[in-house]
């Protein structure tokens, strides 16, 4: 003998189940966005590691361009681009970031170049990245280091000041 089981769900219970599923999906998507953001932070640390392993910049503090990094800076045309647009770039970076001490200047410079829209020049940078066998993030960091040094000089700091305590007398 067979018995059929009939489940009778009312309209309110159906709406409750659907609401629960929608809220659950919304919550999960926002959690995944947070995980993605945390992974992006890891990506920035990976940029530094890749640049150091490629011999483009030093791992010692303060971060500085090595010979390969200087070659990439010049060979990619990035040095000329930064030099020709220096005043505009400084103004844009300054408007988005605080630049009152060496650490803030370095952070602002790196962030600015990580997010910069190079427009038509971007294609030339991609070709250079391919030619040198590095990623675009390393090319951007090379530009950020060079730009950081320009900004440090503008504010009467030196790269060595990044290792000094935040003290008014350390601005020698």
N, C-alpha and C. Protein backbone atom coordinates (compact mmCIF):
# COMPACT_ATOMS: atom_id res chain seq x y z
N UNK A 1 0.82 -1.15 0.00
CA UNK A 1 0.00 0.00 0.00
C UNK A 1 0.88 1.25 0.00
N UNK A 2 0.58 2.15 -0.92
CA UNK A 2 1.34 3.37 -1.09
C UNK A 2 0.66 4.53 -0.40
N UNK A 3 1.47 5.38 0.23
CA UNK A 3 0.90 6.56 0.89
C UNK A 3 1.52 7.80 0.26
N UNK A 4 0.69 8.70 -0.17
CA UNK A 4 1.17 9.96 -0.73
C UNK A 4 1.29 10.98 0.40
N UNK A 5 2.36 11.71 0.34
CA UNK A 5 2.56 12.77 1.33
C UNK A 5 2.28 14.10 0.63
N UNK A 6 1.42 14.86 1.18
CA UNK A 6 1.05 16.15 0.62
C UNK A 6 1.50 17.22 1.60
N UNK A 7 2.26 18.17 1.06
CA UNK A 7 2.72 19.28 1.90
C UNK A 7 1.95 20.52 1.48
N UNK A 8 1.28 21.10 2.40
CA UNK A 8 0.47 22.26 2.13
C UNK A 8 1.16 23.49 2.72
N UNK A 9 1.72 24.33 1.82
CA UNK A 9 2.42 25.53 2.28
C UNK A 9 1.59 26.73 1.87
N UNK A 10 1.27 27.55 2.80
CA UNK A 10 0.47 28.74 2.54
C UNK A 10 1.30 29.83 1.87
N UNK A 11 0.65 30.85 1.41
CA UNK A 11 1.29 31.96 0.72
C UNK A 11 2.29 32.68 1.62
N UNK A 12 1.99 32.83 2.90
CA UNK A 12 2.88 33.53 3.81
C UNK A 12 4.16 32.74 4.05
N UNK A 13 4.03 31.44 4.17
CA UNK A 13 5.23 30.61 4.35
C UNK A 13 6.08 30.64 3.09
N UNK A 14 5.45 30.63 1.91
CA UNK A 14 6.18 30.68 0.65
C UNK A 14 6.95 32.00 0.54
N UNK A 15 6.29 33.10 0.86
CA UNK A 15 6.97 34.40 0.84
C UNK A 15 8.12 34.45 1.85
N UNK A 16 7.92 33.82 2.99
CA UNK A 16 8.97 33.77 4.01
C UNK A 16 10.19 33.01 3.52
N UNK A 17 9.96 31.89 2.86
CA UNK A 17 11.07 31.09 2.32
C UNK A 17 11.82 31.88 1.24
N UNK A 18 11.07 32.51 0.34
CA UNK A 18 11.70 33.30 -0.73
C UNK A 18 12.48 34.47 -0.14
N UNK A 19 11.93 35.15 0.85
CA UNK A 19 12.62 36.27 1.50
C UNK A 19 13.91 35.81 2.15
N UNK A 20 13.85 34.68 2.82
CA UNK A 20 15.04 34.13 3.47
C UNK A 20 16.13 33.83 2.44
N UNK A 21 15.75 33.25 1.32
CA UNK A 21 16.71 32.94 0.26
C UNK A 21 17.33 34.22 -0.33
N UNK A 22 16.51 35.25 -0.55
CA UNK A 22 17.01 36.52 -1.11
C UNK A 22 17.98 37.18 -0.13
N UNK A 23 17.60 37.26 1.14
CA UNK A 23 18.48 37.86 2.15
C UNK A 23 19.77 37.06 2.28
N UNK A 24 19.67 35.76 2.25
CA UNK A 24 20.86 34.91 2.33
C UNK A 24 21.79 35.15 1.14
N UNK A 25 21.24 35.26 -0.05
CA UNK A 25 22.05 35.52 -1.24
C UNK A 25 22.71 36.89 -1.16
N UNK A 26 21.96 37.90 -0.69
CA UNK A 26 22.51 39.25 -0.55
C UNK A 26 23.68 39.25 0.45
N UNK A 27 23.48 38.59 1.58
CA UNK A 27 24.52 38.52 2.61
C UNK A 27 25.78 37.83 2.06
N UNK A 28 25.58 36.71 1.37
CA UNK A 28 26.71 35.96 0.82
C UNK A 28 27.47 36.80 -0.19
N UNK A 29 26.76 37.54 -1.04
CA UNK A 29 27.45 38.35 -2.05
C UNK A 29 28.28 39.45 -1.40
N UNK A 30 27.80 40.05 -0.32
CA UNK A 30 28.57 41.08 0.36
C UNK A 30 29.77 40.49 1.09
N UNK A 31 29.64 39.32 1.61
CA UNK A 31 30.77 38.65 2.26
C UNK A 31 31.85 38.34 1.22
N UNK A 32 31.43 37.91 0.03
CA UNK A 32 32.40 37.61 -1.03
C UNK A 32 33.10 38.87 -1.48
N UNK A 33 32.42 40.00 -1.51
CA UNK A 33 33.05 41.27 -1.86
C UNK A 33 34.14 41.61 -0.86
N UNK A 34 33.89 41.37 0.42
CA UNK A 34 34.88 41.63 1.45
C UNK A 34 36.09 40.72 1.27
N UNK A 35 35.85 39.47 0.96
CA UNK A 35 36.96 38.54 0.72
C UNK A 35 37.76 38.99 -0.49
N UNK A 36 37.07 39.45 -1.54
CA UNK A 36 37.76 39.93 -2.74
C UNK A 36 38.64 41.13 -2.39
N UNK A 37 38.15 42.05 -1.57
CA UNK A 37 38.92 43.21 -1.15
C UNK A 37 40.16 42.77 -0.39
N UNK A 38 40.01 41.80 0.50
CA UNK A 38 41.16 41.32 1.24
C UNK A 38 42.17 40.66 0.32
N UNK A 39 41.71 39.97 -0.70
CA UNK A 39 42.61 39.36 -1.67
C UNK A 39 43.33 40.45 -2.45
N UNK A 40 42.63 41.56 -2.76
CA UNK A 40 43.28 42.66 -3.46
C UNK A 40 44.42 43.24 -2.64
N UNK A 41 44.29 43.31 -1.33
CA UNK A 41 45.38 43.76 -0.49
C UNK A 41 46.57 42.84 -0.61
N UNK A 42 46.31 41.54 -0.71
CA UNK A 42 47.37 40.57 -0.91
C UNK A 42 48.06 40.82 -2.25
N UNK A 43 47.28 41.19 -3.24
CA UNK A 43 47.81 41.46 -4.58
C UNK A 43 48.84 42.59 -4.53
N UNK A 44 48.60 43.62 -3.73
CA UNK A 44 49.54 44.74 -3.62
C UNK A 44 50.86 44.28 -3.01
N UNK A 45 50.77 43.39 -2.01
CA UNK A 45 52.01 42.86 -1.42
C UNK A 45 52.74 42.00 -2.44
N UNK A 46 51.98 41.31 -3.27
CA UNK A 46 52.56 40.47 -4.30
C UNK A 46 53.31 41.31 -5.32
N UNK A 47 52.81 42.51 -5.61
CA UNK A 47 53.49 43.43 -6.54
C UNK A 47 54.89 43.73 -6.03
N UNK A 48 54.99 44.04 -4.75
CA UNK A 48 56.29 44.33 -4.17
C UNK A 48 57.22 43.14 -4.26
N UNK A 49 56.70 41.97 -3.97
CA UNK A 49 57.51 40.76 -4.04
C UNK A 49 57.97 40.49 -5.46
N UNK A 50 57.06 40.64 -6.43
CA UNK A 50 57.42 40.39 -7.83
C UNK A 50 58.49 41.38 -8.29
N UNK A 51 58.33 42.65 -7.95
CA UNK A 51 59.32 43.66 -8.34
C UNK A 51 60.67 43.39 -7.74
N UNK A 52 60.68 42.92 -6.51
CA UNK A 52 61.95 42.61 -5.86
C UNK A 52 62.60 41.39 -6.49
N UNK A 53 61.77 40.38 -6.81
CA UNK A 53 62.32 39.16 -7.41
C UNK A 53 62.81 39.43 -8.84
N UNK A 54 62.17 40.36 -9.54
CA UNK A 54 62.60 40.73 -10.88
C UNK A 54 63.84 41.61 -10.87
N UNK A 55 64.25 42.07 -9.71
CA UNK A 55 65.42 42.93 -9.60
C UNK A 55 65.15 44.36 -10.03
N UNK A 56 63.87 44.77 -10.00
CA UNK A 56 63.51 46.12 -10.42
C UNK A 56 63.68 47.13 -9.29
N UNK A 57 63.39 46.70 -8.05
CA UNK A 57 63.58 47.60 -6.93
C UNK A 57 64.00 46.80 -5.70
N UNK A 58 64.58 47.50 -4.74
CA UNK A 58 65.18 46.86 -3.57
C UNK A 58 64.13 46.42 -2.57
N UNK A 59 64.52 45.47 -1.74
CA UNK A 59 63.63 45.03 -0.68
C UNK A 59 63.96 45.74 0.63
N UNK A 60 65.11 46.39 0.68
CA UNK A 60 65.50 47.11 1.89
C UNK A 60 64.76 48.43 1.95
N UNK A 61 64.55 48.91 3.14
CA UNK A 61 63.89 50.20 3.32
C UNK A 61 64.94 51.29 3.33
N UNK A 62 64.77 52.38 2.66
CA UNK A 62 63.62 52.72 1.83
C UNK A 62 63.69 52.01 0.47
N UNK A 63 62.53 51.70 -0.05
CA UNK A 63 62.44 51.05 -1.35
C UNK A 63 63.07 51.98 -2.38
N UNK A 64 63.94 51.43 -3.22
CA UNK A 64 64.63 52.23 -4.23
C UNK A 64 64.73 51.43 -5.52
N UNK A 65 64.79 52.15 -6.63
CA UNK A 65 64.95 51.49 -7.92
C UNK A 65 66.36 50.94 -8.05
N UNK A 66 66.46 49.72 -8.52
CA UNK A 66 67.75 49.13 -8.85
C UNK A 66 68.02 49.42 -10.33
N UNK A 67 69.16 48.99 -10.84
CA UNK A 67 69.52 49.28 -12.23
C UNK A 67 68.44 48.81 -13.20
N UNK A 68 67.92 47.60 -13.00
CA UNK A 68 66.87 47.11 -13.90
C UNK A 68 65.64 48.00 -13.83
N UNK A 69 65.28 48.43 -12.64
CA UNK A 69 64.13 49.32 -12.49
C UNK A 69 64.35 50.65 -13.19
N UNK A 70 65.57 51.17 -13.09
CA UNK A 70 65.90 52.43 -13.78
C UNK A 70 65.85 52.23 -15.29
N UNK A 71 66.34 51.08 -15.77
CA UNK A 71 66.27 50.78 -17.20
C UNK A 71 64.82 50.71 -17.69
N UNK A 72 63.96 50.07 -16.90
CA UNK A 72 62.54 49.97 -17.25
C UNK A 72 61.89 51.34 -17.23
N UNK A 73 62.21 52.14 -16.22
CA UNK A 73 61.66 53.49 -16.10
C UNK A 73 61.98 54.31 -17.36
N UNK A 74 63.21 54.25 -17.80
CA UNK A 74 63.62 55.01 -18.98
C UNK A 74 63.15 54.34 -20.26
N UNK A 75 63.38 53.04 -20.38
CA UNK A 75 63.04 52.31 -21.61
C UNK A 75 61.55 52.27 -21.92
N UNK A 76 60.71 52.34 -20.89
CA UNK A 76 59.26 52.31 -21.10
C UNK A 76 58.71 53.67 -21.49
N UNK A 77 59.51 54.71 -21.28
CA UNK A 77 59.04 56.07 -21.53
C UNK A 77 58.35 56.66 -20.31
N UNK A 78 58.28 55.90 -19.23
CA UNK A 78 57.58 56.35 -18.02
C UNK A 78 58.28 57.54 -17.38
N UNK A 79 59.60 57.56 -17.38
CA UNK A 79 60.33 58.69 -16.80
C UNK A 79 59.99 59.98 -17.54
N UNK A 80 60.04 59.93 -18.87
CA UNK A 80 59.70 61.12 -19.66
C UNK A 80 58.25 61.54 -19.42
N UNK A 81 57.36 60.55 -19.36
CA UNK A 81 55.94 60.84 -19.12
C UNK A 81 55.75 61.57 -17.79
N UNK A 82 56.40 61.06 -16.74
CA UNK A 82 56.27 61.67 -15.42
C UNK A 82 56.91 63.05 -15.41
N UNK A 83 58.10 63.18 -16.00
CA UNK A 83 58.79 64.47 -16.02
C UNK A 83 57.98 65.53 -16.77
N UNK A 84 57.38 65.15 -17.89
CA UNK A 84 56.60 66.11 -18.69
C UNK A 84 55.29 66.50 -18.00
N UNK A 85 54.72 65.61 -17.22
CA UNK A 85 53.42 65.85 -16.58
C UNK A 85 53.53 66.04 -15.07
N UNK A 86 54.74 66.29 -14.59
CA UNK A 86 55.02 66.33 -13.16
C UNK A 86 54.08 67.25 -12.37
N UNK A 87 53.90 68.46 -12.83
CA UNK A 87 53.08 69.41 -12.07
C UNK A 87 51.62 68.96 -11.98
N UNK A 88 51.08 68.45 -13.08
CA UNK A 88 49.70 67.97 -13.09
C UNK A 88 49.57 66.75 -12.18
N UNK A 89 50.53 65.83 -12.28
CA UNK A 89 50.48 64.62 -11.46
C UNK A 89 50.57 64.95 -9.97
N UNK A 90 51.45 65.86 -9.62
CA UNK A 90 51.59 66.26 -8.21
C UNK A 90 50.29 66.87 -7.72
N UNK A 91 49.71 67.74 -8.52
CA UNK A 91 48.45 68.38 -8.14
C UNK A 91 47.34 67.35 -7.94
N UNK A 92 47.22 66.40 -8.87
CA UNK A 92 46.19 65.37 -8.75
C UNK A 92 46.42 64.49 -7.53
N UNK A 93 47.65 64.09 -7.31
CA UNK A 93 47.97 63.23 -6.16
C UNK A 93 47.72 63.97 -4.85
N UNK A 94 48.14 65.22 -4.79
CA UNK A 94 47.97 66.03 -3.59
C UNK A 94 46.50 66.25 -3.26
N UNK A 95 45.66 66.40 -4.30
CA UNK A 95 44.24 66.66 -4.06
C UNK A 95 43.51 65.45 -3.48
N UNK A 96 44.07 64.26 -3.69
CA UNK A 96 43.41 63.03 -3.22
C UNK A 96 44.01 62.48 -1.94
N UNK A 97 45.19 62.96 -1.55
CA UNK A 97 45.92 62.34 -0.45
C UNK A 97 46.62 63.38 0.41
N UNK A 98 46.80 63.04 1.69
CA UNK A 98 47.62 63.85 2.56
C UNK A 98 49.09 63.57 2.27
N UNK A 99 49.90 64.61 2.28
CA UNK A 99 51.31 64.44 1.97
C UNK A 99 52.16 65.26 2.95
N UNK A 100 51.94 65.06 4.24
CA UNK A 100 52.61 65.89 5.23
C UNK A 100 53.88 65.27 5.80
N UNK A 101 54.11 64.00 5.55
CA UNK A 101 55.33 63.35 6.05
C UNK A 101 55.80 62.31 5.02
N UNK A 102 57.01 61.84 5.15
CA UNK A 102 57.55 60.91 4.13
C UNK A 102 56.70 59.65 3.93
N UNK A 103 56.18 59.09 5.00
CA UNK A 103 55.38 57.88 4.87
C UNK A 103 54.10 58.16 4.07
N UNK A 104 53.41 59.25 4.40
CA UNK A 104 52.19 59.61 3.66
C UNK A 104 52.49 59.87 2.19
N UNK A 105 53.61 60.50 1.92
CA UNK A 105 54.01 60.78 0.54
C UNK A 105 54.23 59.47 -0.21
N UNK A 106 54.92 58.53 0.41
CA UNK A 106 55.16 57.24 -0.25
C UNK A 106 53.84 56.50 -0.48
N UNK A 107 53.00 56.43 0.54
CA UNK A 107 51.71 55.75 0.41
C UNK A 107 50.87 56.39 -0.68
N UNK A 108 50.81 57.72 -0.69
CA UNK A 108 50.02 58.45 -1.69
C UNK A 108 50.56 58.20 -3.09
N UNK A 109 51.87 58.24 -3.25
CA UNK A 109 52.49 58.04 -4.57
C UNK A 109 52.20 56.65 -5.11
N UNK A 110 52.37 55.63 -4.28
CA UNK A 110 52.13 54.26 -4.72
C UNK A 110 50.66 54.04 -5.07
N UNK A 111 49.77 54.54 -4.21
CA UNK A 111 48.34 54.39 -4.46
C UNK A 111 47.94 55.14 -5.74
N UNK A 112 48.48 56.33 -5.91
CA UNK A 112 48.17 57.15 -7.09
C UNK A 112 48.56 56.41 -8.37
N UNK A 113 49.74 55.81 -8.39
CA UNK A 113 50.19 55.11 -9.59
C UNK A 113 49.50 53.76 -9.76
N UNK A 114 49.09 53.13 -8.67
CA UNK A 114 48.32 51.88 -8.78
C UNK A 114 46.99 52.11 -9.49
N UNK A 115 46.40 53.29 -9.29
CA UNK A 115 45.06 53.58 -9.81
C UNK A 115 45.06 54.50 -11.02
N UNK A 116 46.21 54.99 -11.43
CA UNK A 116 46.29 56.01 -12.47
C UNK A 116 45.78 55.52 -13.83
N UNK A 117 45.06 56.39 -14.51
CA UNK A 117 44.63 56.13 -15.88
C UNK A 117 45.63 56.83 -16.79
N UNK A 118 46.43 56.06 -17.49
CA UNK A 118 47.46 56.63 -18.35
C UNK A 118 46.94 57.01 -19.74
N UNK A 119 45.69 56.72 -20.00
CA UNK A 119 45.12 57.05 -21.30
C UNK A 119 45.83 56.33 -22.44
N UNK A 120 46.17 57.05 -23.48
CA UNK A 120 46.83 56.47 -24.66
C UNK A 120 48.22 55.90 -24.33
N UNK A 121 48.86 56.46 -23.31
CA UNK A 121 50.21 56.01 -22.93
C UNK A 121 50.19 54.60 -22.35
N UNK A 122 49.03 54.14 -21.90
CA UNK A 122 48.89 52.81 -21.30
C UNK A 122 49.37 51.71 -22.24
N UNK A 123 49.08 51.84 -23.53
CA UNK A 123 49.49 50.82 -24.50
C UNK A 123 51.01 50.70 -24.56
N UNK A 124 51.70 51.83 -24.51
CA UNK A 124 53.16 51.81 -24.53
C UNK A 124 53.71 51.12 -23.27
N UNK A 125 53.06 51.35 -22.14
CA UNK A 125 53.49 50.71 -20.90
C UNK A 125 53.27 49.20 -20.95
N UNK A 126 52.16 48.78 -21.53
CA UNK A 126 51.89 47.34 -21.67
C UNK A 126 52.93 46.68 -22.57
N UNK A 127 53.30 47.36 -23.64
CA UNK A 127 54.34 46.82 -24.53
C UNK A 127 55.67 46.70 -23.80
N UNK A 128 55.98 47.70 -22.98
CA UNK A 128 57.22 47.66 -22.21
C UNK A 128 57.18 46.54 -21.18
N UNK A 129 56.05 46.37 -20.51
CA UNK A 129 55.92 45.29 -19.52
C UNK A 129 56.16 43.94 -20.20
N UNK A 130 55.60 43.77 -21.37
CA UNK A 130 55.80 42.51 -22.12
C UNK A 130 57.27 42.35 -22.52
N UNK A 131 57.85 43.42 -23.01
CA UNK A 131 59.25 43.39 -23.47
C UNK A 131 60.21 43.05 -22.32
N UNK A 132 59.94 43.58 -21.14
CA UNK A 132 60.81 43.34 -19.99
C UNK A 132 60.41 42.09 -19.19
N UNK A 133 59.28 41.49 -19.54
CA UNK A 133 58.84 40.28 -18.87
C UNK A 133 58.35 40.51 -17.45
N UNK A 134 57.67 41.62 -17.25
CA UNK A 134 57.13 41.95 -15.92
C UNK A 134 55.65 42.28 -16.06
N UNK A 135 54.97 42.37 -14.92
CA UNK A 135 53.56 42.73 -14.92
C UNK A 135 53.38 44.24 -14.91
N UNK A 136 52.19 44.67 -15.33
CA UNK A 136 51.88 46.10 -15.31
C UNK A 136 51.92 46.68 -13.90
N UNK A 137 51.59 45.85 -12.91
CA UNK A 137 51.65 46.34 -11.54
C UNK A 137 53.07 46.70 -11.13
N UNK A 138 54.05 45.97 -11.65
CA UNK A 138 55.45 46.29 -11.34
C UNK A 138 55.86 47.57 -12.08
N UNK A 139 55.41 47.74 -13.32
CA UNK A 139 55.70 48.97 -14.07
C UNK A 139 55.11 50.16 -13.30
N UNK A 140 53.88 50.01 -12.83
CA UNK A 140 53.24 51.08 -12.07
C UNK A 140 54.02 51.38 -10.78
N UNK A 141 54.51 50.34 -10.10
CA UNK A 141 55.26 50.56 -8.86
C UNK A 141 56.58 51.27 -9.15
N UNK A 142 57.22 50.93 -10.27
CA UNK A 142 58.45 51.62 -10.66
C UNK A 142 58.17 53.10 -10.83
N UNK A 143 57.07 53.42 -11.53
CA UNK A 143 56.67 54.82 -11.68
C UNK A 143 56.36 55.46 -10.34
N UNK A 144 55.70 54.70 -9.46
CA UNK A 144 55.37 55.22 -8.13
C UNK A 144 56.59 55.55 -7.30
N UNK A 145 57.63 54.72 -7.41
CA UNK A 145 58.87 54.97 -6.66
C UNK A 145 59.55 56.24 -7.19
N UNK A 146 59.63 56.36 -8.51
CA UNK A 146 60.24 57.55 -9.10
C UNK A 146 59.44 58.80 -8.72
N UNK A 147 58.13 58.72 -8.82
CA UNK A 147 57.26 59.85 -8.48
C UNK A 147 57.36 60.18 -6.98
N UNK A 148 57.44 59.15 -6.15
CA UNK A 148 57.60 59.37 -4.71
C UNK A 148 58.83 60.20 -4.42
N UNK A 149 59.94 59.89 -5.09
CA UNK A 149 61.18 60.63 -4.87
C UNK A 149 61.04 62.10 -5.30
N UNK A 150 60.29 62.34 -6.37
CA UNK A 150 60.03 63.73 -6.80
C UNK A 150 59.23 64.46 -5.73
N UNK A 151 58.20 63.79 -5.21
CA UNK A 151 57.35 64.41 -4.18
C UNK A 151 58.11 64.61 -2.88
N UNK A 152 58.92 63.64 -2.50
CA UNK A 152 59.73 63.81 -1.28
C UNK A 152 60.61 65.04 -1.41
N UNK A 153 61.26 65.20 -2.55
CA UNK A 153 62.13 66.34 -2.78
C UNK A 153 61.33 67.65 -2.72
N UNK A 154 60.12 67.64 -3.29
CA UNK A 154 59.27 68.83 -3.27
C UNK A 154 58.97 69.28 -1.84
N UNK A 155 58.80 68.33 -0.94
CA UNK A 155 58.50 68.64 0.46
C UNK A 155 59.75 68.65 1.35
N UNK A 156 60.91 68.73 0.72
CA UNK A 156 62.20 68.78 1.42
C UNK A 156 62.49 67.55 2.27
N UNK A 157 62.08 66.39 1.76
CA UNK A 157 62.42 65.12 2.39
C UNK A 157 63.33 64.35 1.44
N UNK A 158 63.89 63.27 1.97
CA UNK A 158 64.68 62.33 1.17
C UNK A 158 64.15 60.93 1.42
N UNK A 159 64.41 59.99 0.53
CA UNK A 159 63.96 58.61 0.78
C UNK A 159 64.44 58.07 2.13
N UNK A 160 65.61 58.49 2.55
CA UNK A 160 66.15 58.01 3.83
C UNK A 160 65.27 58.43 5.01
N UNK A 161 64.51 59.52 4.82
CA UNK A 161 63.64 60.01 5.89
C UNK A 161 62.50 59.05 6.20
N UNK A 162 62.23 58.11 5.31
CA UNK A 162 61.17 57.13 5.55
C UNK A 162 61.50 56.23 6.73
N UNK A 163 62.78 56.08 7.03
CA UNK A 163 63.20 55.22 8.13
C UNK A 163 63.37 55.97 9.45
N UNK A 164 63.18 57.28 9.41
CA UNK A 164 63.35 58.07 10.63
C UNK A 164 62.02 58.17 11.35
N UNK A 165 62.07 58.31 12.67
CA UNK A 165 60.82 58.52 13.40
C UNK A 165 60.17 59.83 12.97
N UNK A 166 58.86 59.92 13.14
CA UNK A 166 58.12 61.12 12.77
C UNK A 166 58.44 62.22 13.78
N UNK A 167 59.51 62.95 13.47
CA UNK A 167 60.03 63.95 14.37
C UNK A 167 60.38 65.19 13.55
N UNK A 168 59.95 66.39 13.99
CA UNK A 168 60.23 67.59 13.21
C UNK A 168 61.71 67.82 12.96
N UNK A 169 62.59 67.33 13.82
CA UNK A 169 64.02 67.52 13.63
C UNK A 169 64.60 66.55 12.61
N UNK A 170 63.81 65.56 12.15
CA UNK A 170 64.34 64.58 11.21
C UNK A 170 64.29 65.10 9.77
N UNK A 171 63.83 66.32 9.56
CA UNK A 171 63.78 66.93 8.22
C UNK A 171 65.08 67.61 7.90
N UNK A 172 66.19 66.93 7.88
CA UNK A 172 67.46 67.58 7.61
C UNK A 172 67.75 67.67 6.15
